[in-house]
N, C-alpha and C. Protein backbone atom coordinates (compact mmCIF):
# COMPACT_ATOMS: atom_id res chain seq x y z
N MET A 1 0.88 -1.17 -0.01
CA MET A 1 0.07 -0.07 0.00
C MET A 1 0.94 1.19 0.01
N ALA A 2 0.59 2.30 -0.88
CA ALA A 2 1.48 3.22 -0.92
C ALA A 2 1.19 4.33 0.26
N LYS A 3 2.40 5.23 0.78
CA LYS A 3 2.14 5.91 1.84
C LYS A 3 1.66 7.25 1.29
N ALA A 4 1.01 8.32 2.20
CA ALA A 4 0.44 9.18 1.88
C ALA A 4 1.63 10.18 1.53
N PRO A 5 1.75 11.35 0.76
CA PRO A 5 3.08 12.05 0.61
C PRO A 5 3.07 13.22 1.99
N PRO A 6 4.34 13.36 2.30
CA PRO A 6 4.24 14.18 3.41
C PRO A 6 3.82 15.93 3.44
N ILE A 7 3.08 15.81 2.42
CA ILE A 7 2.38 17.24 2.33
C ILE A 7 1.17 17.23 3.04
N THR A 8 0.69 18.07 3.77
CA THR A 8 -0.64 18.35 4.23
C THR A 8 -1.31 19.34 3.82
N ASN A 9 -2.59 19.60 4.12
CA ASN A 9 -3.32 21.07 3.50
C ASN A 9 -4.63 21.07 4.13
N ARG A 10 -4.91 22.40 4.23
CA ARG A 10 -6.25 22.71 4.73
C ARG A 10 -7.11 22.92 3.60
N ILE A 11 -7.15 22.44 2.38
CA ILE A 11 -8.03 23.00 1.43
C ILE A 11 -9.68 22.77 1.47
N ARG A 12 -9.85 21.65 2.13
CA ARG A 12 -11.30 21.45 2.64
C ARG A 12 -11.57 22.35 3.61
N GLU A 13 -10.91 22.56 4.56
CA GLU A 13 -11.35 23.56 5.48
C GLU A 13 -11.56 24.92 4.86
N LEU A 14 -10.75 25.57 4.19
CA LEU A 14 -10.64 26.85 3.31
C LEU A 14 -11.98 26.93 2.20
N ARG A 15 -12.05 25.57 1.51
CA ARG A 15 -13.31 25.83 0.99
C ARG A 15 -14.48 25.91 1.75
N GLU A 16 -14.60 25.27 2.96
CA GLU A 16 -15.72 25.33 3.58
C GLU A 16 -16.14 26.93 4.16
N SER A 17 -15.07 27.42 4.45
CA SER A 17 -14.83 28.80 4.98
C SER A 17 -15.05 30.04 4.16
N HIS A 18 -14.73 29.45 2.87
CA HIS A 18 -15.20 30.42 1.80
C HIS A 18 -16.34 30.30 1.04
N GLY A 19 -17.36 30.42 1.66
CA GLY A 19 -18.84 30.40 0.96
C GLY A 19 -19.20 28.77 0.66
N ASN A 20 -18.53 27.80 1.13
CA ASN A 20 -18.91 26.35 1.03
C ASN A 20 -18.39 25.70 -0.51
N MET A 21 -17.51 26.46 -1.06
CA MET A 21 -16.67 26.64 -2.44
C MET A 21 -16.85 25.02 -2.60
N SER A 22 -17.13 24.63 -4.02
CA SER A 22 -17.46 23.27 -4.32
C SER A 22 -16.03 22.85 -4.47
N GLN A 23 -15.52 21.56 -4.63
CA GLN A 23 -14.52 21.09 -5.28
C GLN A 23 -14.17 21.42 -6.97
N ALA A 24 -15.44 21.08 -7.47
CA ALA A 24 -15.71 21.62 -8.91
C ALA A 24 -15.26 23.04 -9.20
N ALA A 25 -15.70 24.01 -8.45
CA ALA A 25 -15.44 25.44 -8.49
C ALA A 25 -13.69 25.74 -8.35
N LEU A 26 -13.17 24.89 -7.19
CA LEU A 26 -12.01 25.43 -7.01
C LEU A 26 -11.03 24.90 -8.07
N ALA A 27 -11.73 23.43 -8.68
CA ALA A 27 -10.89 22.59 -9.52
C ALA A 27 -10.89 23.76 -11.21
N SER A 28 -12.18 24.28 -11.21
CA SER A 28 -12.20 25.34 -12.42
C SER A 28 -11.05 26.37 -12.20
N ALA A 29 -11.32 26.85 -11.09
CA ALA A 29 -10.44 28.10 -10.97
C ALA A 29 -8.97 27.87 -10.78
N ILE A 30 -8.34 26.51 -10.64
CA ILE A 30 -7.12 26.45 -10.71
C ILE A 30 -6.62 25.58 -12.05
N GLY A 31 -7.76 25.24 -12.54
CA GLY A 31 -7.02 24.82 -14.07
C GLY A 31 -6.91 23.09 -13.87
N VAL A 32 -7.57 22.38 -13.13
CA VAL A 32 -7.56 20.95 -12.91
C VAL A 32 -8.96 20.35 -12.91
N THR A 33 -8.68 19.07 -12.63
CA THR A 33 -10.06 18.45 -12.56
C THR A 33 -10.34 18.38 -10.99
N ARG A 34 -11.76 17.96 -10.89
CA ARG A 34 -12.46 17.81 -9.74
C ARG A 34 -11.72 16.60 -8.96
N GLN A 35 -11.29 15.67 -9.78
CA GLN A 35 -10.82 14.36 -9.11
C GLN A 35 -9.40 14.85 -8.58
N THR A 36 -8.85 15.32 -9.03
CA THR A 36 -7.39 16.02 -8.72
C THR A 36 -7.53 16.67 -7.52
N VAL A 37 -8.48 17.73 -7.26
CA VAL A 37 -8.53 18.46 -6.41
C VAL A 37 -9.07 17.53 -5.21
N ILE A 38 -9.89 16.38 -5.34
CA ILE A 38 -10.45 15.39 -4.33
C ILE A 38 -9.17 14.84 -3.94
N ALA A 39 -8.14 14.17 -4.69
CA ALA A 39 -6.72 13.67 -4.63
C ALA A 39 -6.01 14.48 -3.61
N ILE A 40 -5.89 15.60 -3.89
CA ILE A 40 -4.97 16.58 -3.01
C ILE A 40 -5.67 16.93 -1.75
N GLU A 41 -7.06 17.17 -1.44
CA GLU A 41 -7.41 17.45 -0.37
C GLU A 41 -7.39 16.01 0.67
N LEU A 42 -7.25 14.70 -0.12
CA LEU A 42 -7.07 13.43 0.86
C LEU A 42 -5.91 13.42 1.20
N GLY A 43 -4.84 13.98 0.37
CA GLY A 43 -3.67 13.50 0.50
C GLY A 43 -2.84 12.56 0.07
N LYS A 44 -3.73 12.37 -1.14
CA LYS A 44 -3.03 10.97 -1.90
C LYS A 44 -2.60 11.42 -3.03
N TYR A 45 -2.23 12.83 -3.34
CA TYR A 45 -1.68 13.65 -4.25
C TYR A 45 -1.07 14.64 -3.74
N SER A 46 0.37 15.24 -4.23
CA SER A 46 0.96 16.44 -3.87
C SER A 46 0.96 17.28 -5.27
N PRO A 47 0.54 18.48 -5.07
CA PRO A 47 0.16 19.45 -6.24
C PRO A 47 1.22 19.47 -7.02
N SER A 48 1.32 19.85 -7.81
CA SER A 48 2.58 20.77 -8.68
C SER A 48 2.50 22.21 -7.83
N LEU A 49 4.02 22.69 -7.96
CA LEU A 49 4.37 23.90 -7.07
C LEU A 49 3.47 25.10 -7.84
N GLU A 50 3.18 25.07 -9.42
CA GLU A 50 2.34 25.75 -9.59
C GLU A 50 0.79 25.80 -9.20
N SER A 51 0.11 24.50 -8.87
CA SER A 51 -1.13 24.13 -8.58
C SER A 51 -1.36 24.56 -6.97
N ALA A 52 -0.04 24.23 -6.52
CA ALA A 52 -0.14 24.89 -5.24
C ALA A 52 -0.27 26.39 -5.13
N PHE A 53 0.41 27.01 -5.63
CA PHE A 53 0.49 28.33 -5.60
C PHE A 53 -1.00 29.00 -6.21
N ARG A 54 -1.63 28.51 -7.24
CA ARG A 54 -2.91 28.97 -7.59
C ARG A 54 -3.93 28.48 -6.58
N ILE A 55 -3.71 27.44 -5.95
CA ILE A 55 -4.67 27.04 -4.49
C ILE A 55 -4.46 28.35 -3.96
N ALA A 56 -3.45 28.25 -3.16
CA ALA A 56 -3.30 29.42 -2.34
C ALA A 56 -3.83 30.97 -2.53
N ARG A 57 -3.75 31.41 -3.99
CA ARG A 57 -4.05 32.58 -4.07
C ARG A 57 -5.51 32.56 -4.15
N VAL A 58 -6.20 31.36 -4.69
CA VAL A 58 -8.04 31.82 -4.59
C VAL A 58 -8.30 31.76 -3.41
N PHE A 59 -7.47 31.60 -2.05
CA PHE A 59 -8.16 31.96 -1.05
C PHE A 59 -7.29 33.10 -0.15
N ASN A 60 -6.48 33.91 -1.27
CA ASN A 60 -5.70 35.10 -0.98
C ASN A 60 -4.90 34.67 0.28
N LEU A 61 -3.91 33.33 0.08
CA LEU A 61 -3.35 33.40 1.46
C LEU A 61 -1.94 32.85 0.93
N GLY A 62 -1.01 32.76 1.49
CA GLY A 62 0.27 32.23 1.48
C GLY A 62 0.49 30.67 1.28
N ILE A 63 1.24 30.20 0.22
CA ILE A 63 1.31 28.68 0.26
C ILE A 63 1.29 27.96 1.44
N GLU A 64 2.29 28.51 2.78
CA GLU A 64 2.42 27.67 3.62
C GLU A 64 1.21 28.06 4.54
N ASP A 65 0.28 28.91 4.33
CA ASP A 65 -1.01 28.88 5.03
C ASP A 65 -2.04 27.66 4.67
N VAL A 66 -1.46 27.56 3.50
CA VAL A 66 -2.66 26.24 2.76
C VAL A 66 -1.92 24.65 2.90
N PHE A 67 -0.74 24.75 2.67
CA PHE A 67 0.24 23.65 2.79
C PHE A 67 1.25 23.29 3.72
N GLY A 68 1.27 22.20 4.23
CA GLY A 68 2.23 22.02 5.42
C GLY A 68 3.33 20.87 5.16
N TRP A 69 4.06 20.70 5.62
CA TRP A 69 5.12 19.56 5.18
C TRP A 69 5.21 18.90 6.59
N GLU A 70 5.54 17.50 6.75
CA GLU A 70 5.58 16.80 7.94
C GLU A 70 6.87 16.03 7.89
N PRO A 71 7.87 16.21 8.37
CA PRO A 71 8.94 15.74 8.52
C PRO A 71 9.04 14.32 9.12
N GLY A 72 9.47 13.70 7.98
CA GLY A 72 9.43 12.07 8.91
C GLY A 72 8.54 11.06 7.81
N ALA A 73 7.37 12.00 7.38
CA ALA A 73 6.58 11.33 6.73
C ALA A 73 7.11 10.45 5.44
N ALA A 74 6.69 9.78 4.71
CA ALA A 74 7.15 8.96 3.45
C ALA A 74 7.73 9.87 2.51
N GLY A 75 8.90 9.56 2.09
CA GLY A 75 9.63 10.47 1.16
C GLY A 75 10.36 11.93 1.40
N SER A 76 10.27 11.94 2.80
CA SER A 76 10.80 13.32 3.51
C SER A 76 12.28 13.31 4.00
N GLY A 77 12.74 11.84 3.99
CA GLY A 77 14.02 11.78 4.25
C GLY A 77 15.25 11.98 3.26
N PRO A 78 16.41 11.91 3.70
CA PRO A 78 17.30 12.18 2.39
C PRO A 78 17.32 11.02 1.61
N GLY A 79 17.98 11.06 0.26
CA GLY A 79 17.72 10.00 -0.41
C GLY A 79 18.10 10.21 -1.57
């Protein structure tokens, strides 16, 4: 079983606090599919740097206000 990437996010929380924005609306705003937004929210997929910046800008936040990095999680060690 694949481990979740070491990237965490607050996307669902932010969508809900911004007028209950749908996953489809966020996907449209950043130019990806709804399925991609779902995978990112669930931590099954790490967004590209460009997508991460686009998501942060939708919510008028810095990238580190939306995404976090968990040291010691899968893929975060030297290698």
